[in-house]
Amino acid sequence: MLVSPEQLSQVCGRPGDDSEVPRTAASIATGVVMGYCRWSELPNPVPTDVLAVALAVALRLVMNLGQWSSMSDSAGSEGGSAKRRDGGYQGLTLTEQTILNRWRQRSA
C-alpha cells in the first residue's frame, strides 16, 4: 500500500486506531492512485509526491466516513442563501491530477 493504516491514523489524530476504517481508506487510495497512473505494481522507490496524493485521498475518505453532503446557511434564515457541499468522494482534485500525470504511463 502507498499509505499505511498506522500513518493515516497518526495524521488523523487517532494514533493506535486499529479499526477497519484506516485500512480500507489506505487500500482504496492505493487503488485510485495506481489505477490513475496505470501501474500494475508499485515503483521502487515510490515518488514522494505520489505518496502525498495517496495520503490526501485517504484522508478525505477517513474524515467523511458516511460520504454525507452538508448544507450551510450563509445569511441566516431570512432571505439568506444556502450552499450545498457535496460530501461524497468526487475523485482527484486538479492539483492531484497534475501531480499524477507526471507519473502516468501512456499507452503504447
PDB file of N, CA and C in Angstrom:
ATOM      1  N   MET A   1       0.836  -1.183   0.000  1.00  0.00           N
ATOM      2  CA  MET A   1       0.000   0.000   0.000  1.00  0.00           C
ATOM      3  C   MET A   1       0.879   1.244   0.000  1.00  0.00           C
ATOM      4  N   LEU A   2       0.364   2.293  -0.603  1.00  0.00           N
ATOM      5  CA  LEU A   2       1.094   3.556  -0.636  1.00  0.00           C
ATOM      6  C   LEU A   2       1.074   4.263   0.710  1.00  0.00           C
ATOM      7  N   VAL A   3      -0.037   4.129   1.426  1.00  0.00           N
ATOM      8  CA  VAL A   3      -0.197   4.750   2.742  1.00  0.00           C
ATOM      9  C   VAL A   3      -0.474   3.637   3.738  1.00  0.00           C
ATOM     10  N   SER A   4       0.236   3.644   4.841  1.00  0.00           N
ATOM     11  CA  SER A   4      -0.025   2.615   5.852  1.00  0.00           C
ATOM     12  C   SER A   4      -1.195   3.065   6.735  1.00  0.00           C
ATOM     13  N   PRO A   5      -1.991   2.121   7.215  1.00  0.00           N
ATOM     14  CA  PRO A   5      -3.080   2.487   8.122  1.00  0.00           C
ATOM     15  C   PRO A   5      -2.582   3.201   9.379  1.00  0.00           C
ATOM     16  N   GLU A   6      -1.385   2.816   9.863  1.00  0.00           N
ATOM     17  CA  GLU A   6      -0.824   3.470  11.051  1.00  0.00           C
ATOM     18  C   GLU A   6      -0.498   4.934  10.759  1.00  0.00           C
ATOM     19  N   GLN A   7       0.079   5.185   9.587  1.00  0.00           N
ATOM     20  CA  GLN A   7       0.403   6.560   9.198  1.00  0.00           C
ATOM     21  C   GLN A   7      -0.876   7.391   9.072  1.00  0.00           C
ATOM     22  N   LEU A   8      -1.893   6.810   8.483  1.00  0.00           N
ATOM     23  CA  LEU A   8      -3.168   7.502   8.316  1.00  0.00           C
ATOM     24  C   LEU A   8      -3.811   7.816   9.661  1.00  0.00           C
ATOM     25  N   SER A   9      -3.786   6.867  10.581  1.00  0.00           N
ATOM     26  CA  SER A   9      -4.340   7.093  11.921  1.00  0.00           C
ATOM     27  C   SER A   9      -3.592   8.193  12.649  1.00  0.00           C
ATOM     28  N   GLN A  10      -2.273   8.223  12.489  1.00  0.00           N
ATOM     29  CA  GLN A  10      -1.451   9.254  13.129  1.00  0.00           C
ATOM     30  C   GLN A  10      -1.803  10.638  12.600  1.00  0.00           C
ATOM     31  N   VAL A  11      -1.939  10.767  11.288  1.00  0.00           N
ATOM     32  CA  VAL A  11      -2.242  12.065  10.681  1.00  0.00           C
ATOM     33  C   VAL A  11      -3.645  12.530  11.068  1.00  0.00           C
ATOM     34  N   CYS A  12      -4.571  11.588  11.219  1.00  0.00           N
ATOM     35  CA  CYS A  12      -5.951  11.926  11.603  1.00  0.00           C
ATOM     36  C   CYS A  12      -6.075  12.303  13.078  1.00  0.00           C
ATOM     37  N   GLY A  13      -5.014  12.108  13.829  1.00  0.00           N
ATOM     38  CA  GLY A  13      -5.067  12.432  15.251  1.00  0.00           C
ATOM     39  C   GLY A  13      -5.630  11.306  16.093  1.00  0.00           C
ATOM     40  N   ARG A  14      -5.638  10.096  15.549  1.00  0.00           N
ATOM     41  CA  ARG A  14      -6.130   8.943  16.283  1.00  0.00           C
ATOM     42  C   ARG A  14      -5.068   7.849  16.289  1.00  0.00           C
ATOM     43  N   PRO A  15      -3.911   8.106  16.887  1.00  0.00           N
ATOM     44  CA  PRO A  15      -2.866   7.078  16.885  1.00  0.00           C
ATOM     45  C   PRO A  15      -3.346   5.808  17.577  1.00  0.00           C
ATOM     46  N   GLY A  16      -2.957   4.694  17.014  1.00  0.00           N
ATOM     47  CA  GLY A  16      -3.342   3.415  17.590  1.00  0.00           C
ATOM     48  C   GLY A  16      -4.709   2.934  17.154  1.00  0.00           C
ATOM     49  N   ASP A  17      -5.357   3.654  16.250  1.00  0.00           N
ATOM     50  CA  ASP A  17      -6.669   3.235  15.751  1.00  0.00           C
ATOM     51  C   ASP A  17      -6.484   1.979  14.903  1.00  0.00           C
ATOM     52  N   ASP A  18      -6.981   0.850  15.397  1.00  0.00           N
ATOM     53  CA  ASP A  18      -6.814  -0.395  14.658  1.00  0.00           C
ATOM     54  C   ASP A  18      -8.126  -0.861  14.030  1.00  0.00           C
ATOM     55  N   SER A  19      -9.029   0.100  13.793  1.00  0.00           N
ATOM     56  CA  SER A  19     -10.300  -0.257  13.174  1.00  0.00           C
ATOM     57  C   SER A  19     -10.109  -0.532  11.686  1.00  0.00           C
ATOM     58  N   GLU A  20     -11.161  -0.938  11.056  1.00  0.00           N
ATOM     59  CA  GLU A  20     -11.129  -1.266   9.635  1.00  0.00           C
ATOM     60  C   GLU A  20     -11.059  -0.011   8.759  1.00  0.00           C
ATOM     61  N   VAL A  21     -11.444   1.132   9.298  1.00  0.00           N
ATOM     62  CA  VAL A  21     -11.532   2.367   8.506  1.00  0.00           C
ATOM     63  C   VAL A  21     -10.189   2.790   7.906  1.00  0.00           C
ATOM     64  N   PRO A  22      -9.114   2.919   8.680  1.00  0.00           N
ATOM     65  CA  PRO A  22      -7.843   3.320   8.067  1.00  0.00           C
ATOM     66  C   PRO A  22      -7.326   2.308   7.039  1.00  0.00           C
ATOM     67  N   ARG A  23      -7.525   1.029   7.321  1.00  0.00           N
ATOM     68  CA  ARG A  23      -7.065   0.001   6.366  1.00  0.00           C
ATOM     69  C   ARG A  23      -7.823   0.100   5.052  1.00  0.00           C
ATOM     70  N   THR A  24      -9.126   0.284   5.134  1.00  0.00           N
ATOM     71  CA  THR A  24      -9.942   0.379   3.923  1.00  0.00           C
ATOM     72  C   THR A  24      -9.608   1.640   3.141  1.00  0.00           C
ATOM     73  N   ALA A  25      -9.488   2.772   3.838  1.00  0.00           N
ATOM     74  CA  ALA A  25      -9.174   4.032   3.160  1.00  0.00           C
ATOM     75  C   ALA A  25      -7.800   3.972   2.490  1.00  0.00           C
ATOM     76  N   ALA A  26      -6.825   3.367   3.165  1.00  0.00           N
ATOM     77  CA  ALA A  26      -5.483   3.239   2.585  1.00  0.00           C
ATOM     78  C   ALA A  26      -5.513   2.349   1.347  1.00  0.00           C
ATOM     79  N   SER A  27      -6.295   1.288   1.409  1.00  0.00           N
ATOM     80  CA  SER A  27      -6.409   0.379   0.273  1.00  0.00           C
ATOM     81  C   SER A  27      -7.094   1.053  -0.912  1.00  0.00           C
ATOM     82  N   ILE A  28      -8.162   1.791  -0.654  1.00  0.00           N
ATOM     83  CA  ILE A  28      -8.873   2.494  -1.721  1.00  0.00           C
ATOM     84  C   ILE A  28      -7.980   3.560  -2.344  1.00  0.00           C
ATOM     85  N   ALA A  29      -7.280   4.332  -1.508  1.00  0.00           N
ATOM     86  CA  ALA A  29      -6.397   5.384  -2.020  1.00  0.00           C
ATOM     87  C   ALA A  29      -5.293   4.789  -2.892  1.00  0.00           C
ATOM     88  N   THR A  30      -4.750   3.660  -2.485  1.00  0.00           N
ATOM     89  CA  THR A  30      -3.719   2.988  -3.289  1.00  0.00           C
ATOM     90  C   THR A  30      -4.297   2.571  -4.640  1.00  0.00           C
ATOM     91  N   GLY A  31      -5.501   2.031  -4.619  1.00  0.00           N
ATOM     92  CA  GLY A  31      -6.153   1.624  -5.864  1.00  0.00           C
ATOM     93  C   GLY A  31      -6.440   2.784  -6.789  1.00  0.00           C
ATOM     94  N   VAL A  32      -6.880   3.904  -6.222  1.00  0.00           N
ATOM     95  CA  VAL A  32      -7.171   5.094  -7.030  1.00  0.00           C
ATOM     96  C   VAL A  32      -5.901   5.598  -7.708  1.00  0.00           C
ATOM     97  N   VAL A  33      -4.836   5.726  -6.949  1.00  0.00           N
ATOM     98  CA  VAL A  33      -3.575   6.247  -7.496  1.00  0.00           C
ATOM     99  C   VAL A  33      -2.977   5.281  -8.521  1.00  0.00           C
ATOM    100  N   MET A  34      -2.949   4.003  -8.184  1.00  0.00           N
ATOM    101  CA  MET A  34      -2.380   3.031  -9.115  1.00  0.00           C
ATOM    102  C   MET A  34      -3.219   2.930 -10.390  1.00  0.00           C
ATOM    103  N   GLY A  35      -4.529   3.010 -10.250  1.00  0.00           N
ATOM    104  CA  GLY A  35      -5.397   2.975 -11.424  1.00  0.00           C
ATOM    105  C   GLY A  35      -5.211   4.186 -12.310  1.00  0.00           C
ATOM    106  N   TYR A  36      -5.105   5.365 -11.687  1.00  0.00           N
ATOM    107  CA  TYR A  36      -4.926   6.586 -12.472  1.00  0.00           C
ATOM    108  C   TYR A  36      -3.583   6.579 -13.201  1.00  0.00           C
ATOM    109  N   CYS A  37      -2.557   6.107 -12.514  1.00  0.00           N
ATOM    110  CA  CYS A  37      -1.216   6.084 -13.110  1.00  0.00           C
ATOM    111  C   CYS A  37      -1.012   4.883 -14.042  1.00  0.00           C
ATOM    112  N   ARG A  38      -1.987   3.982 -14.050  1.00  0.00           N
ATOM    113  CA  ARG A  38      -1.920   2.763 -14.868  1.00  0.00           C
ATOM    114  C   ARG A  38      -0.738   1.884 -14.480  1.00  0.00           C
ATOM    115  N   TRP A  39      -0.510   1.775 -13.179  1.00  0.00           N
ATOM    116  CA  TRP A  39       0.574   0.946 -12.668  1.00  0.00           C
ATOM    117  C   TRP A  39       0.026  -0.438 -12.342  1.00  0.00           C
ATOM    118  N   SER A  40       0.745  -1.474 -12.746  1.00  0.00           N
ATOM    119  CA  SER A  40       0.357  -2.816 -12.342  1.00  0.00           C
ATOM    120  C   SER A  40       1.072  -3.214 -11.046  1.00  0.00           C
ATOM    121  N   GLU A  41       2.175  -2.552 -10.758  1.00  0.00           N
ATOM    122  CA  GLU A  41       2.887  -2.745  -9.489  1.00  0.00           C
ATOM    123  C   GLU A  41       3.522  -1.420  -9.086  1.00  0.00           C
ATOM    124  N   LEU A  42       3.819  -1.305  -7.812  1.00  0.00           N
ATOM    125  CA  LEU A  42       4.388  -0.057  -7.300  1.00  0.00           C
ATOM    126  C   LEU A  42       5.844   0.084  -7.724  1.00  0.00           C
ATOM    127  N   PRO A  43       6.241   1.291  -8.147  1.00  0.00           N
ATOM    128  CA  PRO A  43       7.653   1.501  -8.449  1.00  0.00           C
ATOM    129  C   PRO A  43       8.462   1.512  -7.154  1.00  0.00           C
ATOM    130  N   ASN A  44       9.741   1.244  -7.270  1.00  0.00           N
ATOM    131  CA  ASN A  44      10.605   1.267  -6.101  1.00  0.00           C
ATOM    132  C   ASN A  44      11.771   2.196  -6.383  1.00  0.00           C
ATOM    133  N   PRO A  45      11.908   3.282  -5.713  1.00  0.00           N
ATOM    134  CA  PRO A  45      11.064   3.824  -4.658  1.00  0.00           C
ATOM    135  C   PRO A  45       9.864   4.572  -5.242  1.00  0.00           C
ATOM    136  N   VAL A  46       8.815   4.685  -4.444  1.00  0.00           N
ATOM    137  CA  VAL A  46       7.628   5.432  -4.855  1.00  0.00           C
ATOM    138  C   VAL A  46       7.936   6.920  -4.704  1.00  0.00           C
ATOM    139  N   PRO A  47       7.651   7.736  -5.723  1.00  0.00           N
ATOM    140  CA  PRO A  47       7.913   9.178  -5.614  1.00  0.00           C
ATOM    141  C   PRO A  47       7.137   9.792  -4.447  1.00  0.00           C
ATOM    142  N   THR A  48       7.762  10.721  -3.759  1.00  0.00           N
ATOM    143  CA  THR A  48       7.140  11.326  -2.572  1.00  0.00           C
ATOM    144  C   THR A  48       5.890  12.119  -2.913  1.00  0.00           C
ATOM    145  N   ASP A  49       5.840  12.743  -4.092  1.00  0.00           N
ATOM    146  CA  ASP A  49       4.641  13.496  -4.445  1.00  0.00           C
ATOM    147  C   ASP A  49       3.456  12.561  -4.687  1.00  0.00           C
ATOM    148  N   VAL A  50       3.708  11.355  -5.165  1.00  0.00           N
ATOM    149  CA  VAL A  50       2.648  10.358  -5.334  1.00  0.00           C
ATOM    150  C   VAL A  50       2.163   9.885  -3.966  1.00  0.00           C
ATOM    151  N   LEU A  51       3.083   9.728  -3.020  1.00  0.00           N
ATOM    152  CA  LEU A  51       2.694   9.355  -1.664  1.00  0.00           C
ATOM    153  C   LEU A  51       1.819  10.430  -1.026  1.00  0.00           C
ATOM    154  N   ALA A  52       2.127  11.688  -1.294  1.00  0.00           N
ATOM    155  CA  ALA A  52       1.326  12.790  -0.751  1.00  0.00           C
ATOM    156  C   ALA A  52      -0.090  12.773  -1.319  1.00  0.00           C
ATOM    157  N   VAL A  53      -0.225  12.477  -2.601  1.00  0.00           N
ATOM    158  CA  VAL A  53      -1.553  12.389  -3.215  1.00  0.00           C
ATOM    159  C   VAL A  53      -2.338  11.237  -2.589  1.00  0.00           C
ATOM    160  N   ALA A  54      -1.708  10.088  -2.420  1.00  0.00           N
ATOM    161  CA  ALA A  54      -2.384   8.935  -1.816  1.00  0.00           C
ATOM    162  C   ALA A  54      -2.836   9.256  -0.395  1.00  0.00           C
ATOM    163  N   LEU A  55      -2.011   9.958   0.351  1.00  0.00           N
ATOM    164  CA  LEU A  55      -2.377  10.336   1.716  1.00  0.00           C
ATOM    165  C   LEU A  55      -3.565  11.298   1.711  1.00  0.00           C
ATOM    166  N   ALA A  56      -3.584  12.259   0.798  1.00  0.00           N
ATOM    167  CA  ALA A  56      -4.692  13.218   0.714  1.00  0.00           C
ATOM    168  C   ALA A  56      -6.003  12.517   0.366  1.00  0.00           C
ATOM    169  N   VAL A  57      -5.950  11.588  -0.574  1.00  0.00           N
ATOM    170  CA  VAL A  57      -7.151  10.839  -0.952  1.00  0.00           C
ATOM    171  C   VAL A  57      -7.657  10.024   0.234  1.00  0.00           C
ATOM    172  N   ALA A  58      -6.754   9.336   0.916  1.00  0.00           N
ATOM    173  CA  ALA A  58      -7.136   8.521   2.070  1.00  0.00           C
ATOM    174  C   ALA A  58      -7.719   9.382   3.190  1.00  0.00           C
ATOM    175  N   LEU A  59      -7.152  10.552   3.414  1.00  0.00           N
ATOM    176  CA  LEU A  59      -7.667  11.445   4.459  1.00  0.00           C
ATOM    177  C   LEU A  59      -9.074  11.923   4.145  1.00  0.00           C
ATOM    178  N   ARG A  60      -9.335  12.242   2.890  1.00  0.00           N
ATOM    179  CA  ARG A  60     -10.689  12.669   2.527  1.00  0.00           C
ATOM    180  C   ARG A  60     -11.696  11.552   2.770  1.00  0.00           C
ATOM    181  N   LEU A  61     -11.292  10.327   2.537  1.00  0.00           N
ATOM    182  CA  LEU A  61     -12.189   9.199   2.779  1.00  0.00           C
ATOM    183  C   LEU A  61     -12.418   8.971   4.276  1.00  0.00           C
ATOM    184  N   VAL A  62     -11.364   9.059   5.070  1.00  0.00           N
ATOM    185  CA  VAL A  62     -11.474   8.810   6.508  1.00  0.00           C
ATOM    186  C   VAL A  62     -12.257   9.912   7.210  1.00  0.00           C
ATOM    187  N   MET A  63     -12.041  11.139   6.820  1.00  0.00           N
ATOM    188  CA  MET A  63     -12.651  12.259   7.540  1.00  0.00           C
ATOM    189  C   MET A  63     -14.138  12.428   7.226  1.00  0.00           C
ATOM    190  N   ASN A  64     -14.633  11.775   6.202  1.00  0.00           N
ATOM    191  CA  ASN A  64     -16.060  11.825   5.892  1.00  0.00           C
ATOM    192  C   ASN A  64     -16.534  10.405   5.632  1.00  0.00           C
ATOM    193  N   LEU A  65     -16.673   9.649   6.701  1.00  0.00           N
ATOM    194  CA  LEU A  65     -16.960   8.214   6.594  1.00  0.00           C
ATOM    195  C   LEU A  65     -18.247   7.901   5.852  1.00  0.00           C
ATOM    196  N   GLY A  66     -19.284   8.637   6.150  1.00  0.00           N
ATOM    197  CA  GLY A  66     -20.565   8.356   5.514  1.00  0.00           C
ATOM    198  C   GLY A  66     -20.697   8.968   4.140  1.00  0.00           C
ATOM    199  N   GLN A  67     -19.698   9.766   3.746  1.00  0.00           N
ATOM    200  CA  GLN A  67     -19.734  10.477   2.471  1.00  0.00           C
ATOM    201  C   GLN A  67     -21.002  11.327   2.363  1.00  0.00           C
ATOM    202  N   TRP A  68     -21.305  12.039   3.468  1.00  0.00           N
ATOM    203  CA  TRP A  68     -22.509  12.847   3.535  1.00  0.00           C
ATOM    204  C   TRP A  68     -22.292  14.209   2.909  1.00  0.00           C
ATOM    205  N   SER A  69     -23.355  14.763   2.383  1.00  0.00           N
ATOM    206  CA  SER A  69     -23.348  16.143   1.916  1.00  0.00           C
ATOM    207  C   SER A  69     -23.793  17.027   3.069  1.00  0.00           C
ATOM    208  N   SER A  70     -23.470  18.311   3.008  1.00  0.00           N
ATOM    209  CA  SER A  70     -23.888  19.224   4.062  1.00  0.00           C
ATOM    210  C   SER A  70     -24.440  20.509   3.455  1.00  0.00           C
ATOM    211  N   MET A  71     -25.288  21.166   4.219  1.00  0.00           N
ATOM    212  CA  MET A  71     -25.864  22.447   3.799  1.00  0.00           C
ATOM    213  C   MET A  71     -25.425  23.499   4.802  1.00  0.00           C
ATOM    214  N   SER A  72     -25.103  24.669   4.291  1.00  0.00           N
ATOM    215  CA  SER A  72     -24.786  25.770   5.187  1.00  0.00           C
ATOM    216  C   SER A  72     -25.601  26.989   4.774  1.00  0.00           C
ATOM    217  N   ASP A  73     -26.078  27.711   5.763  1.00  0.00           N
ATOM    218  CA  ASP A  73     -26.887  28.901   5.526  1.00  0.00           C
ATOM    219  C   ASP A  73     -26.004  30.098   5.802  1.00  0.00           C
ATOM    220  N   SER A  74     -25.670  30.860   4.763  1.00  0.00           N
ATOM    221  CA  SER A  74     -24.682  31.920   4.924  1.00  0.00           C
ATOM    222  C   SER A  74     -25.234  33.196   5.534  1.00  0.00           C
ATOM    223  N   ALA A  75     -26.536  33.462   5.409  1.00  0.00           N
ATOM    224  CA  ALA A  75     -27.055  34.736   5.908  1.00  0.00           C
ATOM    225  C   ALA A  75     -28.242  34.551   6.838  1.00  0.00           C
ATOM    226  N   GLY A  76     -28.314  33.468   7.533  1.00  0.00           N
ATOM    227  CA  GLY A  76     -29.428  33.229   8.425  1.00  0.00           C
ATOM    228  C   GLY A  76     -30.647  32.762   7.649  1.00  0.00           C
ATOM    229  N   SER A  77     -31.744  32.589   8.341  1.00  0.00           N
ATOM    230  CA  SER A  77     -32.934  32.024   7.706  1.00  0.00           C
ATOM    231  C   SER A  77     -33.759  33.064   6.952  1.00  0.00           C
ATOM    232  N   GLU A  78     -33.501  34.332   7.139  1.00  0.00           N
ATOM    233  CA  GLU A  78     -34.310  35.365   6.496  1.00  0.00           C
ATOM    234  C   GLU A  78     -33.651  35.862   5.226  1.00  0.00           C
ATOM    235  N   GLY A  79     -34.052  35.319   4.117  1.00  0.00           N
ATOM    236  CA  GLY A  79     -33.558  35.801   2.830  1.00  0.00           C
ATOM    237  C   GLY A  79     -32.132  35.419   2.506  1.00  0.00           C
ATOM    238  N   GLY A  80     -31.555  34.572   3.295  1.00  0.00           N
ATOM    239  CA  GLY A  80     -30.184  34.156   3.040  1.00  0.00           C
ATOM    240  C   GLY A  80     -30.120  33.108   1.942  1.00  0.00           C
ATOM    241  N   SER A  81     -28.944  32.784   1.581  1.00  0.00           N
ATOM    242  CA  SER A  81     -28.782  31.746   0.568  1.00  0.00           C
ATOM    243  C   SER A  81     -28.105  30.535   1.199  1.00  0.00           C
ATOM    244  N   ALA A  82     -28.577  29.388   0.826  1.00  0.00           N
ATOM    245  CA  ALA A  82     -27.995  28.153   1.340  1.00  0.00           C
ATOM    246  C   ALA A  82     -27.012  27.604   0.324  1.00  0.00           C
ATOM    247  N   LYS A  83     -25.923  27.066   0.806  1.00  0.00           N
ATOM    248  CA  LYS A  83     -24.919  26.475  -0.065  1.00  0.00           C
ATOM    249  C   LYS A  83     -24.832  24.992   0.244  1.00  0.00           C
ATOM    250  N   ARG A  84     -24.798  24.205  -0.790  1.00  0.00           N
ATOM    251  CA  ARG A  84     -24.707  22.758  -0.624  1.00  0.00           C
ATOM    252  C   ARG A  84     -23.280  22.320  -0.907  1.00  0.00           C
ATOM    253  N   ARG A  85     -22.751  21.509  -0.028  1.00  0.00           N
ATOM    254  CA  ARG A  85     -21.417  20.947  -0.224  1.00  0.00           C
ATOM    255  C   ARG A  85     -21.555  19.455  -0.433  1.00  0.00           C
ATOM    256  N   ASP A  86     -21.107  18.982  -1.574  1.00  0.00           N
ATOM    257  CA  ASP A  86     -21.147  17.551  -1.813  1.00  0.00           C
ATOM    258  C   ASP A  86     -20.088  16.885  -0.956  1.00  0.00           C
ATOM    259  N   GLY A  87     -20.506  15.903  -0.218  1.00  0.00           N
ATOM    260  CA  GLY A  87     -19.598  15.260   0.710  1.00  0.00           C
ATOM    261  C   GLY A  87     -18.982  13.984   0.198  1.00  0.00           C
ATOM    262  N   GLY A  88     -19.593  13.383  -0.797  1.00  0.00           N
ATOM    263  CA  GLY A  88     -19.074  12.127  -1.316  1.00  0.00           C
ATOM    264  C   GLY A  88     -17.751  12.310  -2.029  1.00  0.00           C
ATOM    265  N   TYR A  89     -17.053  11.220  -2.165  1.00  0.00           N
ATOM    266  CA  TYR A  89     -15.773  11.270  -2.862  1.00  0.00           C
ATOM    267  C   TYR A  89     -16.015  11.685  -4.301  1.00  0.00           C
ATOM    268  N   GLN A  90     -15.394  12.773  -4.710  1.00  0.00           N
ATOM    269  CA  GLN A  90     -15.615  13.338  -6.033  1.00  0.00           C
ATOM    270  C   GLN A  90     -14.467  13.059  -6.990  1.00  0.00           C
ATOM    271  N   GLY A  91     -13.538  12.229  -6.593  1.00  0.00           N
ATOM    272  CA  GLY A  91     -12.389  11.943  -7.447  1.00  0.00           C
ATOM    273  C   GLY A  91     -11.193  12.800  -7.057  1.00  0.00           C
ATOM    274  N   LEU A  92     -10.214  12.803  -7.923  1.00  0.00           N
ATOM    275  CA  LEU A  92      -8.983  13.550  -7.666  1.00  0.00           C
ATOM    276  C   LEU A  92      -9.184  15.035  -7.935  1.00  0.00           C
ATOM    277  N   THR A  93      -8.514  15.858  -7.143  1.00  0.00           N
ATOM    278  CA  THR A  93      -8.537  17.297  -7.405  1.00  0.00           C
ATOM    279  C   THR A  93      -7.639  17.597  -8.597  1.00  0.00           C
ATOM    280  N   LEU A  94      -7.763  18.799  -9.123  1.00  0.00           N
ATOM    281  CA  LEU A  94      -6.944  19.184 -10.268  1.00  0.00           C
ATOM    282  C   LEU A  94      -5.456  19.140  -9.925  1.00  0.00           C
ATOM    283  N   THR A  95      -5.110  19.564  -8.740  1.00  0.00           N
ATOM    284  CA  THR A  95      -3.704  19.518  -8.306  1.00  0.00           C
ATOM    285  C   THR A  95      -3.200  18.083  -8.234  1.00  0.00           C
ATOM    286  N   GLU A  96      -4.020  17.196  -7.679  1.00  0.00           N
ATOM    287  CA  GLU A  96      -3.625  15.793  -7.589  1.00  0.00           C
ATOM    288  C   GLU A  96      -3.464  15.170  -8.977  1.00  0.00           C
ATOM    289  N   GLN A  97      -4.369  15.513  -9.891  1.00  0.00           N
ATOM    290  CA  GLN A  97      -4.259  15.006 -11.262  1.00  0.00           C
ATOM    291  C   GLN A  97      -2.987  15.504 -11.935  1.00  0.00           C
ATOM    292  N   THR A  98      -2.648  16.751 -11.710  1.00  0.00           N
ATOM    293  CA  THR A  98      -1.429  17.314 -12.293  1.00  0.00           C
ATOM    294  C   THR A  98      -0.197  16.567 -11.793  1.00  0.00           C
ATOM    295  N   ILE A  99      -0.171  16.286 -10.501  1.00  0.00           N
ATOM    296  CA  ILE A  99       0.964  15.543  -9.932  1.00  0.00           C
ATOM    297  C   ILE A  99       1.036  14.136 -10.522  1.00  0.00           C
ATOM    298  N   LEU A 100      -0.097  13.448 -10.541  1.00  0.00           N
ATOM    299  CA  LEU A 100      -0.102  12.068 -11.017  1.00  0.00           C
ATOM    300  C   LEU A 100       0.132  11.965 -12.522  1.00  0.00           C
ATOM    301  N   ASN A 101      -0.208  13.006 -13.266  1.00  0.00           N
ATOM    302  CA  ASN A 101       0.037  12.983 -14.715  1.00  0.00           C
ATOM    303  C   ASN A 101       1.527  12.854 -15.028  1.00  0.00           C
ATOM    304  N   ARG A 102       2.369  13.345 -14.134  1.00  0.00           N
ATOM    305  CA  ARG A 102       3.822  13.209 -14.340  1.00  0.00           C
ATOM    306  C   ARG A 102       4.269  11.757 -14.308  1.00  0.00           C
ATOM    307  N   TRP A 103       3.520  10.927 -13.570  1.00  0.00           N
ATOM    308  CA  TRP A 103       3.918   9.538 -13.376  1.00  0.00           C
ATOM    309  C   TRP A 103       3.016   8.566 -14.135  1.00  0.00           C
ATOM    310  N   ARG A 104       2.026   9.097 -14.838  1.00  0.00           N
ATOM    311  CA  ARG A 104       1.071   8.237 -15.542  1.00  0.00           C
ATOM    312  C   ARG A 104       1.708   7.572 -16.733  1.00  0.00           C
ATOM    313  N   GLN A 105       1.500   6.282 -16.873  1.00  0.00           N
ATOM    314  CA  GLN A 105       2.030   5.551 -18.020  1.00  0.00           C
ATOM    315  C   GLN A 105       1.125   5.792 -19.219  1.00  0.00           C
ATOM    316  N   ARG A 106       1.727   6.121 -20.318  1.00  0.00           N
ATOM    317  CA  ARG A 106       0.959   6.351 -21.553  1.00  0.00           C
ATOM    318  C   ARG A 106       0.831   5.038 -22.304  1.00  0.00           C
ATOM    319  N   SER A 107      -0.241   4.924 -23.051  1.00  0.00           N
ATOM    320  CA  SER A 107      -0.415   3.696 -23.836  1.00  0.00           C
ATOM    321  C   SER A 107       0.564   3.679 -24.999  1.00  0.00           C
ATOM    322  N   ALA A 108       0.984   2.516 -25.374  1.00  0.00           N
ATOM    323  CA  ALA A 108       1.994   2.376 -26.432  1.00  0.00           C
ATOM    324  C   ALA A 108       1.382   2.424 -27.810  1.00  0.00           C
TER     325      ALA A 108
END
